[in-house]
Amino acid sequence: MDINGFEVVKDESVDEAKKELLEKAVAFEEMTRSKGWGFVKAYAQESLNRFSVRAMSEGFKSMEDYQLERGKVAGIFSLLNEIESALKALELERNP
């Protein structure tokens, strides 16, 4: 098939990755409906708040300590972003 002068090639690995993403999204969707999801989000926000307060008030003993704590917070929010992205993909699949 030719679209705007570009040949469209079907890649099965893309289809498989999309299928896997949507399967994860369905599981994430179920998870977000539970009471525990509220606790997860509250923990993430509290982690960010603790990090910010510490950075502003007492600081960090060393750059390594700062990087470690920053990495923990970044990791939590990275996971939340992955979940949010999967949920958005599921929503787009259901409501194109």
PDB file of N, CA and C in Angstrom:
ATOM      1  N   MET A   1       0.844  -1.164   0.000  1.00  0.00           N
ATOM      2  CA  MET A   1       0.000   0.000   0.000  1.00  0.00           C
ATOM      3  C   MET A   1       0.895   1.234   0.000  1.00  0.00           C
ATOM      4  N   ASP A   2       0.464   2.266  -0.680  1.00  0.00           N
ATOM      5  CA  ASP A   2       1.235   3.488  -0.817  1.00  0.00           C
ATOM      6  C   ASP A   2       0.428   4.639  -0.218  1.00  0.00           C
ATOM      7  N   ILE A   3       1.008   5.322   0.801  1.00  0.00           N
ATOM      8  CA  ILE A   3       0.344   6.463   1.422  1.00  0.00           C
ATOM      9  C   ILE A   3       1.265   7.661   1.295  1.00  0.00           C
ATOM     10  N   ASN A   4       0.785   8.680   0.590  1.00  0.00           N
ATOM     11  CA  ASN A   4       1.549   9.919   0.412  1.00  0.00           C
ATOM     12  C   ASN A   4       2.969   9.657  -0.074  1.00  0.00           C
ATOM     13  N   GLY A   5       3.126   8.717  -0.963  1.00  0.00           N
ATOM     14  CA  GLY A   5       4.433   8.433  -1.523  1.00  0.00           C
ATOM     15  C   GLY A   5       5.296   7.503  -0.690  1.00  0.00           C
ATOM     16  N   PHE A   6       4.780   7.028   0.452  1.00  0.00           N
ATOM     17  CA  PHE A   6       5.527   6.114   1.312  1.00  0.00           C
ATOM     18  C   PHE A   6       4.884   4.744   1.283  1.00  0.00           C
ATOM     19  N   GLU A   7       5.709   3.744   1.196  1.00  0.00           N
ATOM     20  CA  GLU A   7       5.210   2.382   1.201  1.00  0.00           C
ATOM     21  C   GLU A   7       4.974   1.950   2.646  1.00  0.00           C
ATOM     22  N   VAL A   8       3.797   1.419   2.914  1.00  0.00           N
ATOM     23  CA  VAL A   8       3.461   0.956   4.262  1.00  0.00           C
ATOM     24  C   VAL A   8       3.769  -0.530   4.339  1.00  0.00           C
ATOM     25  N   VAL A   9       4.601  -0.881   5.292  1.00  0.00           N
ATOM     26  CA  VAL A   9       4.989  -2.268   5.483  1.00  0.00           C
ATOM     27  C   VAL A   9       4.473  -2.711   6.848  1.00  0.00           C
ATOM     28  N   LYS A  10       3.752  -3.800   6.882  1.00  0.00           N
ATOM     29  CA  LYS A  10       3.206  -4.312   8.141  1.00  0.00           C
ATOM     30  C   LYS A  10       4.310  -5.048   8.891  1.00  0.00           C
ATOM     31  N   ASP A  11       4.518  -4.644  10.122  1.00  0.00           N
ATOM     32  CA  ASP A  11       5.558  -5.229  10.965  1.00  0.00           C
ATOM     33  C   ASP A  11       4.878  -5.992  12.099  1.00  0.00           C
ATOM     34  N   GLU A  12       5.023  -7.301  12.099  1.00  0.00           N
ATOM     35  CA  GLU A  12       4.362  -8.123  13.112  1.00  0.00           C
ATOM     36  C   GLU A  12       4.873  -7.840  14.513  1.00  0.00           C
ATOM     37  N   SER A  13       6.129  -7.436  14.649  1.00  0.00           N
ATOM     38  CA  SER A  13       6.657  -7.140  15.982  1.00  0.00           C
ATOM     39  C   SER A  13       5.958  -5.921  16.586  1.00  0.00           C
ATOM     40  N   VAL A  14       5.548  -4.985  15.732  1.00  0.00           N
ATOM     41  CA  VAL A  14       4.807  -3.813  16.217  1.00  0.00           C
ATOM     42  C   VAL A  14       3.434  -4.253  16.706  1.00  0.00           C
ATOM     43  N   ASP A  15       2.777  -5.127  15.951  1.00  0.00           N
ATOM     44  CA  ASP A  15       1.469  -5.644  16.364  1.00  0.00           C
ATOM     45  C   ASP A  15       1.577  -6.387  17.690  1.00  0.00           C
ATOM     46  N   GLU A  16       2.617  -7.165  17.857  1.00  0.00           N
ATOM     47  CA  GLU A  16       2.818  -7.928  19.089  1.00  0.00           C
ATOM     48  C   GLU A  16       3.077  -6.986  20.269  1.00  0.00           C
ATOM     49  N   ALA A  17       3.877  -5.958  20.047  1.00  0.00           N
ATOM     50  CA  ALA A  17       4.163  -4.982  21.107  1.00  0.00           C
ATOM     51  C   ALA A  17       2.892  -4.238  21.502  1.00  0.00           C
ATOM     52  N   LYS A  18       2.072  -3.895  20.519  1.00  0.00           N
ATOM     53  CA  LYS A  18       0.805  -3.214  20.805  1.00  0.00           C
ATOM     54  C   LYS A  18      -0.116  -4.121  21.602  1.00  0.00           C
ATOM     55  N   LYS A  19      -0.193  -5.377  21.224  1.00  0.00           N
ATOM     56  CA  LYS A  19      -1.032  -6.338  21.939  1.00  0.00           C
ATOM     57  C   LYS A  19      -0.572  -6.472  23.387  1.00  0.00           C
ATOM     58  N   GLU A  20       0.741  -6.560  23.585  1.00  0.00           N
ATOM     59  CA  GLU A  20       1.298  -6.680  24.932  1.00  0.00           C
ATOM     60  C   GLU A  20       0.999  -5.426  25.764  1.00  0.00           C
ATOM     61  N   LEU A  21       1.140  -4.257  25.155  1.00  0.00           N
ATOM     62  CA  LEU A  21       0.847  -3.005  25.842  1.00  0.00           C
ATOM     63  C   LEU A  21      -0.611  -2.950  26.270  1.00  0.00           C
ATOM     64  N   LEU A  22      -1.516  -3.357  25.399  1.00  0.00           N
ATOM     65  CA  LEU A  22      -2.938  -3.316  25.720  1.00  0.00           C
ATOM     66  C   LEU A  22      -3.294  -4.324  26.812  1.00  0.00           C
ATOM     67  N   GLU A  23      -2.636  -5.486  26.815  1.00  0.00           N
ATOM     68  CA  GLU A  23      -2.864  -6.461  27.888  1.00  0.00           C
ATOM     69  C   GLU A  23      -2.435  -5.887  29.232  1.00  0.00           C
ATOM     70  N   LYS A  24      -1.279  -5.223  29.245  1.00  0.00           N
ATOM     71  CA  LYS A  24      -0.812  -4.579  30.479  1.00  0.00           C
ATOM     72  C   LYS A  24      -1.781  -3.486  30.907  1.00  0.00           C
ATOM     73  N   ALA A  25      -2.250  -2.723  29.934  1.00  0.00           N
ATOM     74  CA  ALA A  25      -3.148  -1.613  30.237  1.00  0.00           C
ATOM     75  C   ALA A  25      -4.438  -2.094  30.888  1.00  0.00           C
ATOM     76  N   VAL A  26      -4.958  -3.213  30.430  1.00  0.00           N
ATOM     77  CA  VAL A  26      -6.179  -3.760  31.026  1.00  0.00           C
ATOM     78  C   VAL A  26      -5.914  -4.127  32.494  1.00  0.00           C
ATOM     79  N   ALA A  27      -4.773  -4.737  32.758  1.00  0.00           N
ATOM     80  CA  ALA A  27      -4.413  -5.082  34.135  1.00  0.00           C
ATOM     81  C   ALA A  27      -4.216  -3.813  34.970  1.00  0.00           C
ATOM     82  N   PHE A  28      -3.556  -2.807  34.399  1.00  0.00           N
ATOM     83  CA  PHE A  28      -3.365  -1.545  35.107  1.00  0.00           C
ATOM     84  C   PHE A  28      -4.707  -0.885  35.405  1.00  0.00           C
ATOM     85  N   GLU A  29      -5.616  -0.974  34.444  1.00  0.00           N
ATOM     86  CA  GLU A  29      -6.933  -0.374  34.622  1.00  0.00           C
ATOM     87  C   GLU A  29      -7.651  -1.004  35.816  1.00  0.00           C
ATOM     88  N   GLU A  30      -7.577  -2.320  35.916  1.00  0.00           N
ATOM     89  CA  GLU A  30      -8.178  -3.011  37.057  1.00  0.00           C
ATOM     90  C   GLU A  30      -7.519  -2.553  38.356  1.00  0.00           C
ATOM     91  N   MET A  31      -6.207  -2.417  38.329  1.00  0.00           N
ATOM     92  CA  MET A  31      -5.454  -2.005  39.512  1.00  0.00           C
ATOM     93  C   MET A  31      -5.863  -0.598  39.954  1.00  0.00           C
ATOM     94  N   THR A  32      -6.069   0.310  39.008  1.00  0.00           N
ATOM     95  CA  THR A  32      -6.375   1.694  39.361  1.00  0.00           C
ATOM     96  C   THR A  32      -7.758   1.848  39.979  1.00  0.00           C
ATOM     97  N   ARG A  33      -8.584   0.845  39.844  1.00  0.00           N
ATOM     98  CA  ARG A  33      -9.921   0.893  40.449  1.00  0.00           C
ATOM     99  C   ARG A  33      -9.928   0.450  41.907  1.00  0.00           C
ATOM    100  N   SER A  34      -8.813  -0.066  42.374  1.00  0.00           N
ATOM    101  CA  SER A  34      -8.757  -0.560  43.748  1.00  0.00           C
ATOM    102  C   SER A  34      -8.399   0.556  44.721  1.00  0.00           C
ATOM    103  N   LYS A  35      -8.721   0.339  45.982  1.00  0.00           N
ATOM    104  CA  LYS A  35      -8.386   1.294  47.040  1.00  0.00           C
ATOM    105  C   LYS A  35      -6.865   1.442  47.164  1.00  0.00           C
ATOM    106  N   GLY A  36      -6.150   0.368  46.919  1.00  0.00           N
ATOM    107  CA  GLY A  36      -4.695   0.393  47.016  1.00  0.00           C
ATOM    108  C   GLY A  36      -4.052   1.377  46.056  1.00  0.00           C
ATOM    109  N   TRP A  37      -4.678   1.620  44.923  1.00  0.00           N
ATOM    110  CA  TRP A  37      -4.121   2.555  43.952  1.00  0.00           C
ATOM    111  C   TRP A  37      -4.025   3.954  44.556  1.00  0.00           C
ATOM    112  N   GLY A  38      -5.007   4.334  45.347  1.00  0.00           N
ATOM    113  CA  GLY A  38      -4.954   5.625  46.030  1.00  0.00           C
ATOM    114  C   GLY A  38      -3.754   5.707  46.959  1.00  0.00           C
ATOM    115  N   PHE A  39      -3.450   4.587  47.625  1.00  0.00           N
ATOM    116  CA  PHE A  39      -2.292   4.553  48.512  1.00  0.00           C
ATOM    117  C   PHE A  39      -0.988   4.689  47.721  1.00  0.00           C
ATOM    118  N   VAL A  40      -0.932   4.055  46.570  1.00  0.00           N
ATOM    119  CA  VAL A  40       0.268   4.140  45.726  1.00  0.00           C
ATOM    120  C   VAL A  40       0.496   5.588  45.282  1.00  0.00           C
ATOM    121  N   LYS A  41      -0.556   6.241  44.823  1.00  0.00           N
ATOM    122  CA  LYS A  41      -0.424   7.626  44.376  1.00  0.00           C
ATOM    123  C   LYS A  41      -0.050   8.544  45.537  1.00  0.00           C
ATOM    124  N   ALA A  42      -0.634   8.309  46.702  1.00  0.00           N
ATOM    125  CA  ALA A  42      -0.303   9.120  47.879  1.00  0.00           C
ATOM    126  C   ALA A  42       1.154   8.915  48.286  1.00  0.00           C
ATOM    127  N   TYR A  43       1.638   7.679  48.208  1.00  0.00           N
ATOM    128  CA  TYR A  43       3.035   7.393  48.528  1.00  0.00           C
ATOM    129  C   TYR A  43       3.971   8.124  47.577  1.00  0.00           C
ATOM    130  N   ALA A  44       3.630   8.118  46.303  1.00  0.00           N
ATOM    131  CA  ALA A  44       4.459   8.805  45.310  1.00  0.00           C
ATOM    132  C   ALA A  44       4.510  10.297  45.611  1.00  0.00           C
ATOM    133  N   GLN A  45       3.373  10.887  45.893  1.00  0.00           N
ATOM    134  CA  GLN A  45       3.331  12.319  46.177  1.00  0.00           C
ATOM    135  C   GLN A  45       4.081  12.646  47.462  1.00  0.00           C
ATOM    136  N   GLU A  46       3.926  11.815  48.475  1.00  0.00           N
ATOM    137  CA  GLU A  46       4.629  12.033  49.740  1.00  0.00           C
ATOM    138  C   GLU A  46       6.144  11.894  49.558  1.00  0.00           C
ATOM    139  N   SER A  47       6.573  10.964  48.734  1.00  0.00           N
ATOM    140  CA  SER A  47       8.004  10.809  48.450  1.00  0.00           C
ATOM    141  C   SER A  47       8.570  12.061  47.807  1.00  0.00           C
ATOM    142  N   LEU A  48       7.834  12.608  46.875  1.00  0.00           N
ATOM    143  CA  LEU A  48       8.260  13.842  46.217  1.00  0.00           C
ATOM    144  C   LEU A  48       8.307  14.993  47.218  1.00  0.00           C
ATOM    145  N   ASN A  49       7.285  15.090  48.057  1.00  0.00           N
ATOM    146  CA  ASN A  49       7.244  16.156  49.057  1.00  0.00           C
ATOM    147  C   ASN A  49       8.415  16.046  50.034  1.00  0.00           C
ATOM    148  N   ARG A  50       8.685  14.845  50.525  1.00  0.00           N
ATOM    149  CA  ARG A  50       9.800  14.642  51.465  1.00  0.00           C
ATOM    150  C   ARG A  50      11.128  15.032  50.822  1.00  0.00           C
ATOM    151  N   PHE A  51      11.318  14.623  49.589  1.00  0.00           N
ATOM    152  CA  PHE A  51      12.544  14.957  48.872  1.00  0.00           C
ATOM    153  C   PHE A  51      12.689  16.477  48.740  1.00  0.00           C
ATOM    154  N   SER A  52      11.614  17.135  48.341  1.00  0.00           N
ATOM    155  CA  SER A  52      11.655  18.588  48.145  1.00  0.00           C
ATOM    156  C   SER A  52      11.930  19.328  49.448  1.00  0.00           C
ATOM    157  N   VAL A  53      11.251  18.930  50.511  1.00  0.00           N
ATOM    158  CA  VAL A  53      11.450  19.580  51.805  1.00  0.00           C
ATOM    159  C   VAL A  53      12.885  19.376  52.275  1.00  0.00           C
ATOM    160  N   ARG A  54      13.365  18.163  52.139  1.00  0.00           N
ATOM    161  CA  ARG A  54      14.743  17.889  52.559  1.00  0.00           C
ATOM    162  C   ARG A  54      15.734  18.713  51.754  1.00  0.00           C
ATOM    163  N   ALA A  55      15.521  18.784  50.458  1.00  0.00           N
ATOM    164  CA  ALA A  55      16.429  19.546  49.600  1.00  0.00           C
ATOM    165  C   ALA A  55      16.434  21.023  49.982  1.00  0.00           C
ATOM    166  N   MET A  56      15.275  21.564  50.316  1.00  0.00           N
ATOM    167  CA  MET A  56      15.168  22.987  50.631  1.00  0.00           C
ATOM    168  C   MET A  56      15.586  23.309  52.061  1.00  0.00           C
ATOM    169  N   SER A  57      15.322  22.418  52.991  1.00  0.00           N
ATOM    170  CA  SER A  57      15.577  22.760  54.390  1.00  0.00           C
ATOM    171  C   SER A  57      16.954  22.334  54.888  1.00  0.00           C
ATOM    172  N   GLU A  58      17.246  21.060  54.794  1.00  0.00           N
ATOM    173  CA  GLU A  58      18.509  20.579  55.361  1.00  0.00           C
ATOM    174  C   GLU A  58      19.556  20.203  54.333  1.00  0.00           C
ATOM    175  N   GLY A  59      19.144  19.977  53.128  1.00  0.00           N
ATOM    176  CA  GLY A  59      20.087  19.606  52.083  1.00  0.00           C
ATOM    177  C   GLY A  59      20.524  18.154  52.193  1.00  0.00           C
ATOM    178  N   PHE A  60      21.507  17.795  51.426  1.00  0.00           N
ATOM    179  CA  PHE A  60      22.019  16.426  51.388  1.00  0.00           C
ATOM    180  C   PHE A  60      23.487  16.441  51.777  1.00  0.00           C
ATOM    181  N   LYS A  61      23.922  15.372  52.428  1.00  0.00           N
ATOM    182  CA  LYS A  61      25.298  15.286  52.905  1.00  0.00           C
ATOM    183  C   LYS A  61      26.304  15.247  51.760  1.00  0.00           C
ATOM    184  N   SER A  62      25.898  14.631  50.673  1.00  0.00           N
ATOM    185  CA  SER A  62      26.806  14.503  49.538  1.00  0.00           C
ATOM    186  C   SER A  62      26.001  14.439  48.244  1.00  0.00           C
ATOM    187  N   MET A  63      26.695  14.588  47.152  1.00  0.00           N
ATOM    188  CA  MET A  63      26.042  14.490  45.845  1.00  0.00           C
ATOM    189  C   MET A  63      25.507  13.078  45.625  1.00  0.00           C
ATOM    190  N   GLU A  64      26.216  12.083  46.145  1.00  0.00           N
ATOM    191  CA  GLU A  64      25.770  10.698  46.006  1.00  0.00           C
ATOM    192  C   GLU A  64      24.448  10.482  46.743  1.00  0.00           C
ATOM    193  N   ASP A  65      24.327  11.061  47.946  1.00  0.00           N
ATOM    194  CA  ASP A  65      23.092  10.956  48.722  1.00  0.00           C
ATOM    195  C   ASP A  65      21.943  11.622  47.960  1.00  0.00           C
ATOM    196  N   TYR A  66      22.207  12.799  47.414  1.00  0.00           N
ATOM    197  CA  TYR A  66      21.214  13.516  46.624  1.00  0.00           C
ATOM    198  C   TYR A  66      20.770  12.674  45.424  1.00  0.00           C
ATOM    199  N   GLN A  67      21.742  12.147  44.688  1.00  0.00           N
ATOM    200  CA  GLN A  67      21.433  11.359  43.496  1.00  0.00           C
ATOM    201  C   GLN A  67      20.628  10.103  43.843  1.00  0.00           C
ATOM    202  N   LEU A  68      20.964   9.468  44.956  1.00  0.00           N
ATOM    203  CA  LEU A  68      20.231   8.278  45.385  1.00  0.00           C
ATOM    204  C   LEU A  68      18.774   8.610  45.666  1.00  0.00           C
ATOM    205  N   GLU A  69      18.550   9.639  46.462  1.00  0.00           N
ATOM    206  CA  GLU A  69      17.172  10.026  46.815  1.00  0.00           C
ATOM    207  C   GLU A  69      16.406  10.522  45.598  1.00  0.00           C
ATOM    208  N   ARG A  70      17.074  11.280  44.760  1.00  0.00           N
ATOM    209  CA  ARG A  70      16.446  11.771  43.526  1.00  0.00           C
ATOM    210  C   ARG A  70      16.065  10.600  42.624  1.00  0.00           C
ATOM    211  N   GLY A  71      16.940   9.611  42.548  1.00  0.00           N
ATOM    212  CA  GLY A  71      16.676   8.427  41.728  1.00  0.00           C
ATOM    213  C   GLY A  71      15.481   7.632  42.216  1.00  0.00           C
ATOM    214  N   LYS A  72      15.322   7.550  43.541  1.00  0.00           N
ATOM    215  CA  LYS A  72      14.168   6.839  44.100  1.00  0.00           C
ATOM    216  C   LYS A  72      12.863   7.511  43.664  1.00  0.00           C
ATOM    217  N   VAL A  73      12.822   8.833  43.821  1.00  0.00           N
ATOM    218  CA  VAL A  73      11.614   9.580  43.446  1.00  0.00           C
ATOM    219  C   VAL A  73      11.376   9.480  41.938  1.00  0.00           C
ATOM    220  N   ALA A  74      12.431   9.632  41.174  1.00  0.00           N
ATOM    221  CA  ALA A  74      12.299   9.552  39.713  1.00  0.00           C
ATOM    222  C   ALA A  74      11.794   8.173  39.286  1.00  0.00           C
ATOM    223  N   GLY A  75      12.266   7.132  39.950  1.00  0.00           N
ATOM    224  CA  GLY A  75      11.821   5.777  39.628  1.00  0.00           C
ATOM    225  C   GLY A  75      10.338   5.568  39.887  1.00  0.00           C
ATOM    226  N   ILE A  76       9.877   6.096  41.003  1.00  0.00           N
ATOM    227  CA  ILE A  76       8.446   5.984  41.337  1.00  0.00           C
ATOM    228  C   ILE A  76       7.607   6.660  40.263  1.00  0.00           C
ATOM    229  N   PHE A  77       7.991   7.890  39.902  1.00  0.00           N
ATOM    230  CA  PHE A  77       7.207   8.625  38.917  1.00  0.00           C
ATOM    231  C   PHE A  77       7.364   8.052  37.508  1.00  0.00           C
ATOM    232  N   SER A  78       8.477   7.430  37.227  1.00  0.00           N
ATOM    233  CA  SER A  78       8.653   6.761  35.943  1.00  0.00           C
ATOM    234  C   SER A  78       7.663   5.601  35.809  1.00  0.00           C
ATOM    235  N   LEU A  79       7.513   4.847  36.880  1.00  0.00           N
ATOM    236  CA  LEU A  79       6.539   3.750  36.875  1.00  0.00           C
ATOM    237  C   LEU A  79       5.125   4.276  36.691  1.00  0.00           C
ATOM    238  N   LEU A  80       4.780   5.339  37.406  1.00  0.00           N
ATOM    239  CA  LEU A  80       3.445   5.918  37.258  1.00  0.00           C
ATOM    240  C   LEU A  80       3.219   6.419  35.831  1.00  0.00           C
ATOM    241  N   ASN A  81       4.245   6.990  35.218  1.00  0.00           N
ATOM    242  CA  ASN A  81       4.117   7.454  33.834  1.00  0.00           C
ATOM    243  C   ASN A  81       3.917   6.297  32.858  1.00  0.00           C
ATOM    244  N   GLU A  82       4.592   5.180  33.102  1.00  0.00           N
ATOM    245  CA  GLU A  82       4.397   3.995  32.256  1.00  0.00           C
ATOM    246  C   GLU A  82       2.958   3.515  32.332  1.00  0.00           C
ATOM    247  N   ILE A  83       2.419   3.491  33.538  1.00  0.00           N
ATOM    248  CA  ILE A  83       1.028   3.059  33.731  1.00  0.00           C
ATOM    249  C   ILE A  83       0.081   4.025  33.031  1.00  0.00           C
ATOM    250  N   GLU A  84       0.312   5.311  33.219  1.00  0.00           N
ATOM    251  CA  GLU A  84      -0.540   6.316  32.584  1.00  0.00           C
ATOM    252  C   GLU A  84      -0.485   6.216  31.060  1.00  0.00           C
ATOM    253  N   SER A  85       0.686   6.000  30.510  1.00  0.00           N
ATOM    254  CA  SER A  85       0.827   5.870  29.052  1.00  0.00           C
ATOM    255  C   SER A  85       0.067   4.658  28.529  1.00  0.00           C
ATOM    256  N   ALA A  86       0.164   3.550  29.247  1.00  0.00           N
ATOM    257  CA  ALA A  86      -0.558   2.344  28.834  1.00  0.00           C
ATOM    258  C   ALA A  86      -2.063   2.578  28.889  1.00  0.00           C
ATOM    259  N   LEU A  87      -2.524   3.259  29.929  1.00  0.00           N
ATOM    260  CA  LEU A  87      -3.957   3.542  30.049  1.00  0.00           C
ATOM    261  C   LEU A  87      -4.438   4.463  28.936  1.00  0.00           C
ATOM    262  N   LYS A  88      -3.622   5.432  28.548  1.00  0.00           N
ATOM    263  CA  LYS A  88      -3.988   6.315  27.440  1.00  0.00           C
ATOM    264  C   LYS A  88      -4.053   5.543  26.128  1.00  0.00           C
ATOM    265  N   ALA A  89      -3.124   4.613  25.930  1.00  0.00           N
ATOM    266  CA  ALA A  89      -3.145   3.784  24.715  1.00  0.00           C
ATOM    267  C   ALA A  89      -4.414   2.937  24.677  1.00  0.00           C
ATOM    268  N   LEU A  90      -4.803   2.409  25.819  1.00  0.00           N
ATOM    269  CA  LEU A  90      -6.033   1.610  25.891  1.00  0.00           C
ATOM    270  C   LEU A  90      -7.245   2.469  25.578  1.00  0.00           C
ATOM    271  N   GLU A  91      -7.274   3.673  26.120  1.00  0.00           N
ATOM    272  CA  GLU A  91      -8.389   4.583  25.841  1.00  0.00           C
ATOM    273  C   GLU A  91      -8.469   4.915  24.360  1.00  0.00           C
ATOM    274  N   LEU A  92      -7.331   5.163  23.732  1.00  0.00           N
ATOM    275  CA  LEU A  92      -7.320   5.460  22.296  1.00  0.00           C
ATOM    276  C   LEU A  92      -7.757   4.250  21.465  1.00  0.00           C
ATOM    277  N   GLU A  93      -7.393   3.075  21.924  1.00  0.00           N
ATOM    278  CA  GLU A  93      -7.803   1.847  21.212  1.00  0.00           C
ATOM    279  C   GLU A  93      -9.325   1.672  21.300  1.00  0.00           C
ATOM    280  N   ARG A  94      -9.875   1.984  22.439  1.00  0.00           N
ATOM    281  CA  ARG A  94     -11.327   1.823  22.637  1.00  0.00           C
ATOM    282  C   ARG A  94     -12.126   2.943  21.980  1.00  0.00           C
ATOM    283  N   ASN A  95     -11.576   4.144  21.982  1.00  0.00           N
ATOM    284  CA  ASN A  95     -12.270   5.319  21.440  1.00  0.00           C
ATOM    285  C   ASN A  95     -11.380   6.041  20.431  1.00  0.00           C
ATOM    286  N   PRO A  96     -11.235   5.479  19.240  1.00  0.00           N
ATOM    287  CA  PRO A  96     -10.313   6.076  18.251  1.00  0.00           C
ATOM    288  C   PRO A  96     -10.722   7.445  17.770  1.00  0.00           C
TER     289      PRO A  96
END
